[in-house]
Each structure stands twice: as C-alpha cells, then as structure tokens.
Protein backbone atom coordinates (compact mmCIF):
# COMPACT_ATOMS: atom_id res chain seq x y z
CA MET A 1 84.71 109.93 98.34
CA LYS A 2 84.28 106.15 98.18
CA ILE A 3 86.74 104.72 95.66
CA LEU A 4 87.03 101.12 94.49
CA PHE A 5 90.47 99.99 93.33
CA LEU A 6 89.90 97.03 91.00
CA LEU A 7 92.96 94.91 90.24
CA SER A 8 93.71 91.46 88.87
CA SER A 9 96.93 90.77 90.81
CA ASN A 10 98.05 87.20 91.44
CA GLU A 11 101.57 88.30 92.43
CA PRO A 12 103.07 91.57 93.69
CA THR A 13 103.02 94.11 90.87
CA GLY A 14 103.74 97.77 90.26
CA SER A 15 100.03 98.48 89.91
CA GLU A 16 99.37 97.24 93.45
CA THR A 17 102.21 99.39 94.82
CA TYR A 18 100.84 102.34 92.85
CA CYS A 19 97.43 101.93 94.52
CA LEU A 20 99.02 101.57 97.95
CA SER A 21 100.91 104.82 97.46
CA LEU A 22 97.73 106.65 96.43
CA ALA A 23 95.71 105.23 99.32
CA GLU A 24 98.34 106.30 101.82
CA ALA A 25 98.57 109.79 100.31
CA TRP A 26 94.75 110.10 100.61
CA ARG A 27 94.57 108.79 104.18
CA GLY A 28 91.74 110.62 105.95
CA LYS A 29 90.44 112.14 102.71
CA HIS A 30 88.99 109.25 100.69
CA GLU A 31 87.59 105.84 101.65
CA VAL A 32 89.40 103.27 99.52
CA HIS A 33 88.00 99.79 98.87
CA TRP A 34 89.97 96.98 97.23
CA ILE A 35 88.98 94.02 95.05
CA SER A 36 91.59 91.82 93.42
CA SER A 37 92.47 88.21 92.71
CA ARG A 38 95.14 88.50 95.42
CA LEU A 39 96.88 91.32 97.30
CA HIS A 40 100.15 91.15 99.13
CA TYR A 41 100.83 94.06 101.48
CA GLY A 42 98.38 93.59 104.34
CA GLN A 43 95.52 95.71 103.03
CA ILE A 44 91.95 94.53 103.68
CA TYR A 45 90.41 93.43 100.39
CA THR A 46 87.75 91.26 98.78
CA SER A 47 89.21 88.39 96.77
CA LEU A 48 87.60 87.74 93.39
CA PRO A 49 89.23 86.04 90.36
CA ILE A 50 89.42 89.27 88.34
CA HIS A 51 92.31 87.78 86.31
CA GLN A 52 89.87 85.45 84.50
CA LYS A 53 88.88 86.13 80.90
CA ALA A 54 85.74 88.06 80.07
CA PHE A 55 83.65 84.97 79.24
CA PRO A 56 82.46 83.43 81.43
CA GLY A 57 84.61 84.54 84.38
CA GLY A 58 84.39 88.24 83.66
CA VAL A 59 80.59 88.13 83.52
CA ILE A 60 80.43 86.44 86.94
CA ASN A 61 82.96 88.92 88.31
CA THR A 62 80.88 91.78 86.97
CA ALA A 63 77.84 90.61 88.92
CA ARG A 64 79.83 90.23 92.13
CA VAL A 65 81.61 93.58 91.82
CA TRP A 66 78.28 95.26 91.02
CA GLN A 67 76.79 93.82 94.20
CA TYR A 68 79.78 94.97 96.24
CA ALA A 69 79.84 98.49 94.76
CA ARG A 70 76.10 98.98 95.24
CA LYS A 71 76.23 97.72 98.84
CA HIS A 72 79.13 100.03 99.79
CA GLY A 73 78.01 103.11 97.87
CA ILE A 74 81.07 103.26 95.61
CA GLU A 75 81.32 106.59 93.79
CA ILE A 76 84.38 105.97 91.56
CA ILE A 77 85.68 102.71 90.10
CA HIS A 78 89.40 102.86 89.32
CA SER A 79 90.73 99.83 87.44
CA GLN A 80 94.39 98.92 87.04
CA SER A 81 94.66 96.15 84.40
CA ARG A 82 93.05 94.92 81.17
CA ARG A 83 90.88 92.28 82.86
CA ALA A 84 89.90 94.72 85.60
CA ASN A 85 89.09 97.38 82.98
CA TRP A 86 86.52 95.12 81.33
CA VAL A 87 84.71 94.36 84.60
CA ALA A 88 84.91 97.98 85.76
CA ALA A 89 83.39 99.27 82.52
CA GLN A 90 80.34 97.02 82.87
CA VAL A 91 79.80 97.78 86.56
CA ALA A 92 80.23 101.52 86.10
CA SER A 93 77.68 101.48 83.30
CA LEU A 94 75.17 99.57 85.42
CA LEU A 95 75.61 101.82 88.47
CA LYS A 96 76.05 105.03 86.46
CA VAL A 97 79.25 105.98 88.30
CA PRO A 98 82.51 107.16 86.69
CA HIS A 99 85.14 104.65 85.66
CA VAL A 100 88.82 105.61 85.56
CA ALA A 101 91.42 103.26 84.07
CA THR A 102 95.12 103.59 84.77
CA LEU A 103 97.27 102.06 82.03
CA HIS A 104 100.46 100.69 83.56
CA GLN A 105 101.61 99.12 80.31
CA LEU A 106 101.01 99.14 76.58
CA MET A 107 97.75 97.54 75.49
CA PRO A 108 97.89 94.53 73.14
CA LEU A 109 96.59 95.35 69.68
CA HIS A 110 94.00 92.81 68.56
CA TYR A 111 90.34 92.72 67.60
CA PHE A 112 88.94 92.36 71.12
CA SER A 113 91.06 95.15 72.62
CA ARG A 114 90.13 97.52 69.79
CA ARG A 115 86.46 96.58 69.84
CA PHE A 116 86.12 96.66 73.64
CA PRO A 117 88.96 98.81 75.02
CA CYS A 118 86.99 99.57 78.23
CA LEU A 119 89.17 102.56 79.07
CA GLY A 120 86.70 104.50 81.16
CA ALA A 121 85.52 108.09 81.12
CA ALA A 122 89.15 108.99 81.82
CA SER A 123 92.32 107.06 81.05
CA ILE A 124 95.46 107.71 83.05
CA ALA A 125 98.72 106.90 81.25
CA ILE A 126 101.89 106.66 83.30
CA ASP A 127 104.18 107.77 80.48
CA GLU A 128 104.18 109.36 77.02
CA VAL A 129 104.47 106.10 75.08
CA VAL A 130 101.31 104.71 76.70
CA ALA A 131 99.47 108.02 76.26
CA ASP A 132 100.36 108.15 72.56
CA GLN A 133 99.18 104.57 72.04
CA LEU A 134 95.81 105.33 73.61
CA LYS A 135 95.27 108.25 71.26
CA LYS A 136 96.75 106.82 68.05
CA SER A 137 95.93 103.11 68.23
CA PHE A 138 92.68 103.16 70.22
CA GLY A 139 91.27 106.51 69.19
CA VAL A 140 90.82 107.82 72.73
CA PRO A 141 90.21 111.59 72.54
CA ALA A 142 93.09 113.62 73.94
CA SER A 143 90.67 115.26 76.39
CA ARG A 144 90.14 111.86 78.08
CA VAL A 145 93.83 110.90 78.29
CA HIS A 146 95.70 112.15 81.35
CA LEU A 147 99.47 111.78 81.66
CA ILE A 148 100.06 111.19 85.38
CA ARG A 149 103.30 109.49 86.27
CA ASN A 150 103.90 106.89 88.97
CA GLY A 151 103.94 108.20 92.53
CA ILE A 152 106.86 107.41 94.86
CA ASP A 153 106.71 108.00 98.61
CA LEU A 154 109.82 110.10 99.07
CA SER A 155 109.64 109.77 102.86
CA THR A 156 110.04 105.99 102.57
CA TYR A 157 112.86 105.82 100.03
CA LEU A 158 115.69 108.00 101.31
CA PRO A 159 119.37 108.23 100.36
CA ALA A 160 121.67 106.73 102.97
CA PRO A 161 125.49 106.76 103.05
CA ARG A 162 127.16 103.43 102.34
CA THR A 163 130.78 102.31 102.22
CA PRO A 164 130.89 99.83 99.37
CA PRO A 165 132.65 96.49 99.86
CA ARG A 166 135.50 95.42 97.61
CA ALA A 167 133.02 93.87 95.15
CA LYS A 168 129.98 96.03 94.54
CA GLN A 169 126.57 94.57 95.28
CA ILE A 170 124.08 95.22 92.48
CA LEU A 171 120.39 94.40 92.68
CA VAL A 172 118.55 93.07 89.62
CA ILE A 173 114.95 93.93 90.52
CA GLY A 174 111.75 92.65 88.95
CA ARG A 175 109.50 89.62 89.06
CA LEU A 176 110.67 86.94 86.63
CA SER A 177 107.36 86.32 84.88
CA GLY A 178 105.83 87.45 81.60
CA GLY A 179 108.06 89.64 79.47
CA ARG A 180 110.53 90.18 82.31
CA TRP A 181 111.75 86.59 82.02
CA LYS A 182 112.95 87.26 78.47
CA THR A 183 114.65 90.45 79.65
CA PHE A 184 116.36 88.60 82.49
CA GLN A 185 117.64 85.93 80.12
CA PHE A 186 119.13 88.70 77.95
CA PHE A 187 120.89 90.05 81.05
CA LEU A 188 122.33 86.62 81.94
CA GLU A 189 123.52 85.99 78.38
CA THR A 190 125.23 89.38 78.19
CA LEU A 191 126.82 89.00 81.61
CA ALA A 192 128.11 85.53 80.72
CA ALA A 193 129.76 86.92 77.57
CA SER A 194 131.25 90.00 79.23
CA ALA A 195 131.93 89.15 82.91
CA LYS A 196 135.66 88.61 82.39
CA ARG A 197 135.96 92.11 80.92
CA LEU A 198 134.05 93.79 83.77
CA PRO A 199 134.98 94.63 87.37
CA PRO A 200 133.90 91.83 89.71
CA ALA A 201 130.53 92.24 91.41
CA ILE A 202 127.86 90.41 93.34
CA PHE A 203 124.51 90.50 91.56
CA LYS A 204 121.47 89.83 93.73
CA ILE A 205 118.26 88.85 91.95
CA VAL A 206 115.22 90.35 93.69
CA GLY A 207 111.74 89.35 92.54
CA ARG A 208 109.25 86.54 92.59
CA VAL A 209 110.21 83.52 90.47
CA PRO A 210 107.39 81.35 89.08
CA ASP A 211 107.51 77.83 90.51
CA GLU A 212 107.96 76.24 87.11
CA ARG A 213 111.15 78.23 86.50
CA HIS A 214 112.93 77.66 89.82
CA GLU A 215 114.76 74.52 88.75
CA LYS A 216 115.95 75.92 85.42
CA LEU A 217 117.11 79.14 87.05
CA ALA A 218 119.01 77.31 89.80
CA ARG A 219 120.90 75.29 87.15
CA GLN A 220 121.66 78.43 85.15
CA LEU A 221 123.02 80.35 88.11
CA ALA A 222 125.15 77.43 89.32
CA SER A 223 126.73 77.08 85.89
CA LEU A 224 127.33 80.81 85.50
CA ASN A 225 128.85 81.17 88.97
CA GLN A 226 131.39 78.48 88.11
CA SER A 227 132.30 80.14 84.82
CA PHE A 228 132.87 83.78 85.79
CA ALA A 229 134.11 83.84 89.41
CA PRO A 230 134.83 86.10 91.30
CA THR A 231 131.66 87.71 89.89
CA HIS A 232 128.76 85.95 91.56
CA ILE A 233 124.95 85.84 91.24
CA GLU A 234 122.64 85.22 94.19
CA LEU A 235 118.90 84.60 94.03
CA LEU A 236 117.05 86.42 96.81
CA GLY A 237 113.57 85.96 95.30
CA HIS A 238 110.75 88.07 96.70
CA VAL A 239 111.82 90.21 99.67
CA ASN A 240 109.37 91.75 102.12
CA ASP A 241 111.61 94.70 103.01
CA LEU A 242 112.64 96.13 99.67
CA VAL A 243 113.45 99.52 101.23
CA THR A 244 116.27 98.07 103.33
CA THR A 245 117.44 95.80 100.53
CA ILE A 246 117.86 98.79 98.22
CA ARG A 247 119.54 100.83 100.97
CA ASN A 248 122.18 98.11 101.38
CA CYS A 249 123.13 97.86 97.69
CA ASP A 250 125.53 99.86 95.51
CA GLY A 251 123.31 100.12 92.46
CA ALA A 252 120.31 98.60 90.71
CA ILE A 253 119.36 97.13 87.37
CA ALA A 254 115.65 97.79 87.01
CA ALA A 255 112.82 99.57 85.23
CA GLY A 256 109.50 101.13 86.20
CA ARG A 257 108.71 101.63 89.89
CA SER A 258 111.70 99.59 91.07
CA ALA A 259 114.05 101.87 89.18
CA LEU A 260 112.33 104.95 90.59
CA GLU A 261 112.49 103.63 94.15
CA SER A 262 116.20 102.97 93.67
CA LEU A 263 116.80 106.47 92.30
CA ALA A 264 114.87 107.96 95.23
CA SER A 265 117.19 105.98 97.52
CA GLY A 266 120.22 107.60 95.91
CA LYS A 267 121.36 104.54 93.96
CA PRO A 268 122.69 104.61 90.39
CA VAL A 269 120.32 102.73 88.10
CA LEU A 270 120.93 100.79 84.90
CA MET A 271 117.60 100.89 83.08
CA LEU A 272 116.68 97.45 81.73
CA GLY A 273 112.97 96.90 81.17
CA GLU A 274 110.55 94.72 79.26
CA GLY A 275 111.05 96.83 76.16
CA ALA A 276 114.69 97.86 76.00
CA VAL A 277 118.00 98.49 77.67
CA LEU A 278 118.36 102.27 77.92
CA GLY A 279 121.70 102.33 79.74
CA LEU A 280 122.67 104.16 82.89
CA CYS A 281 120.09 106.65 84.15
CA ARG A 282 121.67 110.08 83.81
CA PRO A 283 120.94 113.40 82.05
CA ASP A 284 121.58 112.13 78.51
CA THR A 285 119.13 109.21 78.92
CA TRP A 286 116.53 110.95 81.08
CA THR A 287 114.15 112.00 78.29
CA ALA A 288 113.91 108.39 77.10
CA ALA A 289 113.48 107.29 80.72
CA LEU A 290 110.50 109.61 81.24
CA GLN A 291 108.82 108.59 78.00
CA THR A 292 109.15 104.82 78.51
CA ASN A 293 108.71 104.28 82.27
CA LEU A 294 112.48 103.77 82.49
CA GLY A 295 112.66 101.16 79.77
CA ASP A 296 109.44 99.17 80.16
CA HIS A 297 107.43 100.70 77.32
CA VAL A 298 108.85 100.91 73.81
CA LEU A 299 107.08 100.35 70.53
CA ARG A 300 110.03 98.39 69.12
CA GLN A 301 112.02 96.25 71.52
CA ASN A 302 115.73 97.06 71.61
CA PHE A 303 117.99 94.69 73.53
CA ASN A 304 121.51 95.62 72.50
CA ALA A 305 124.21 93.61 74.27
CA SER A 306 126.91 96.22 73.68
CA VAL A 307 124.74 98.92 75.29
CA LEU A 308 124.16 96.68 78.32
CA GLU A 309 127.87 95.80 78.63
CA THR A 310 128.89 99.48 78.44
CA ALA A 311 126.30 100.41 81.06
CA LEU A 312 127.43 97.57 83.33
CA ARG A 313 131.02 98.78 83.08
CA ASP A 314 129.96 102.32 83.97
CA LEU A 315 127.85 101.08 86.89
CA LEU A 316 130.67 98.96 88.31
CA SER A 317 133.45 101.50 87.78
CA PHE A 318 132.18 104.42 89.87
CA GLN A 319 134.57 105.51 92.61
CA SER A 320 131.91 107.90 93.92
CA THR A 321 128.25 108.15 92.95
CA ASP A 322 127.45 111.21 95.07
CA GLU A 323 126.79 113.56 92.15
CA LEU A 324 124.74 111.06 90.14
CA SER A 325 122.82 109.99 93.26
CA ALA A 326 121.85 113.56 94.08
CA TRP A 327 120.77 114.16 90.47
CA GLY A 328 118.62 110.99 90.43
CA ARG A 329 116.90 111.91 93.67
CA ARG A 330 116.07 115.37 92.26
CA GLN A 331 114.43 113.85 89.18
CA VAL A 332 112.17 111.65 91.28
CA GLU A 333 111.28 114.62 93.49
CA GLN A 334 110.41 116.71 90.43
CA TYR A 335 108.45 114.16 88.38
CA TYR A 336 107.32 111.29 90.63
CA ASP A 337 106.42 112.65 94.08
CA VAL A 338 103.34 110.68 95.18
CA ARG A 339 101.80 113.80 96.71
CA ARG A 340 101.59 115.40 93.27
CA THR A 341 100.39 112.16 91.68
CA ALA A 342 97.61 111.84 94.28
CA GLN A 343 96.52 115.44 93.70
CA ASP A 344 96.42 114.94 89.92
CA VAL A 345 94.40 111.71 90.17
CA ASP A 346 92.04 113.37 92.64
CA ARG A 347 91.45 116.22 90.17
CA VAL A 348 90.43 113.65 87.54
CA TYR A 349 87.97 112.14 90.02
CA GLN A 350 86.49 115.52 90.96
CA CYS A 351 86.03 116.50 87.33
CA LEU A 352 84.17 113.27 86.56
CA ILE A 353 82.00 113.49 89.67
CA SER A 354 81.01 117.06 88.82
CA ARG A 355 79.83 115.92 85.39
CA SER A 356 77.97 112.80 86.52
C-alpha cells in the first residue's frame, strides 16, 4: 500500500518519531512517502510549508500535495497535525482516497476547528483524553475514533545496568517551545524553591531551545547554579543520540514519547507534561498516565509545586530502582509496543480501503 505521511514539522516532534516507528515496523510491507515543512532523521521527504495557515498557504499546499499524491499513486493519506489535517482532507476529497488523522494532542476549541475539524474518515487518538474530546467536543462518531497508543521500538530502548555517581544525573526531556516552555519554567521555579531540601543532583536539559530564548535561559541557569550548589543544571539542547543519553542517566523528567522511551530503557520517570505534573510513574499513577499521554493531555492544567517537590524527592532518594524499572518496562511492553501499534493502524487502513 502506498501511504503518504503528511506533517507540518519545523522541529523534531513526537509526531515525526511516531511516523518513523510505524514506517520501520512496516518495512517491506508498505511504501511510505513523506511530506513536511522539515524532517530531521534522515528520511527522504518532499519539503512543503505545511505549517502555514489554511489561507492562502494551505490552498497552495493542497494543490502541490494533490499533484504529488496523484503522480505517486497514493492510496492513503495519513496526517499528523492540525495544519496537515486541513490539507489532507482537501486532497483526499479530490482524489477520492481515505484520509486518516492521528491526534497527538488536544484540539483547540474555536469556531474554525469546530466548523472544519478535518479529522478524516478515521481519527486515531493516542490516549483516552484525546479520544473523549473528539467525541464530546467535535461530535466525531465513536465508530470513527480509534484509540491506538504511541508505538515504542522495544529493540532500540533497552534497560542497561548503571552504577550511579554520587550525585544522580536526571534528564529533563522535551523541546522548550510552545506549552513546554511554561512547564519548564514551573520546573525551574519549583527546583529553585526546594533544592536545599532535596538530595543534590545534576539535571541535564535535553531538547531544542528556540533561538529567541537561548539568552534568557542561559542567564536563568547561571543564576540558579550559583544559588543552589551542589545541585547543578546543564543545558545539552538537542541531542542526536537520545538512546545513549537516556541509557547514561539515572532517571528522567518527561511526558509523552520521551517518558515512554525512558521507561522502556528501565529508568524511573517523573511525569511532567504540558498539562500537569502527575508525579512519579508507578502503579498508583499509571491509570492517569495512560489516559493523559503521561501528563501531556489534561482538560484542566494542574501544576502543583508540592506534588513536583515530593516526586523529585522520591526520584532522587532511590537506593535501587530495579523493581520500579522492571515494572515500567513491562507497562511499555504491554501498552506501547510499536509492533502492536503498527498492526492496529494497518487494520484501520485496510478497513477504509475495503470500503472505498
């Protein structure tokens, strides 16, 4: 089957990694084509400014994607973002091919999104909160909403033994743009207020920093490092080898795919996402983790400093994480194995193709 992944990425995102995982799982089975504003992991793709708004950019993009899809005999268009959804809906209608939209985040509620949701013949939600929003706020019939969680390549992210140094090294993972910047500022404020009450640690910030925020962030980190030594914060920025970076840490503060990749690697995870701080990932918080993509998707934001401080203390106080690490790995194996995700997405495709 010839599949077109349509994205609007300008920086590395979870949606791009999601598509990479699917493409690799389907190697030899489907022919995957890529169109995006930019892509970042070496895949061959056509660059179009899909991130532009519907008028006039989206109309121009629609014409170009239509030409590409017709030329290459695309049979399924699978979009991965709001701007991509709009273009994909128009092209699919013109070519009379199925359109599938994966919702990696909650949709904004405004007139345009309600009037033109562009959610395809099938909408894939990566967690329960997103699935419920599609049905309740956008009126998508339950028969067209498919709950299919993120897929993690369990052969890439593997637990590895590590002897921790005197001060634990904790990764704070996630690009510092959009809503994640606000979340990161909450983390810094809480750490500044509580560092003297916590075991010392080295926090390493992993994720792309927008150019306009580099200077402010450098000043912040320099000031904080002076105030709460021996605890220290380092800015790594975007790293090309995240697998090794996670392997060499003692725990992670993350949400979404980054949290899942850390759990698959046997690392304890403090769930801090765009929507809330859920605390340490363990059996008593796992239901909330499943429902919210490990803290990214909540209907009412909940950033409680005392919850974050308690979770930080727990994360930094472990003498041994063997039991929690094994439990976390099992959860990813049960719910997020990319092989199962790829099979479930493929079934959606096959169902649509059989009806078209």
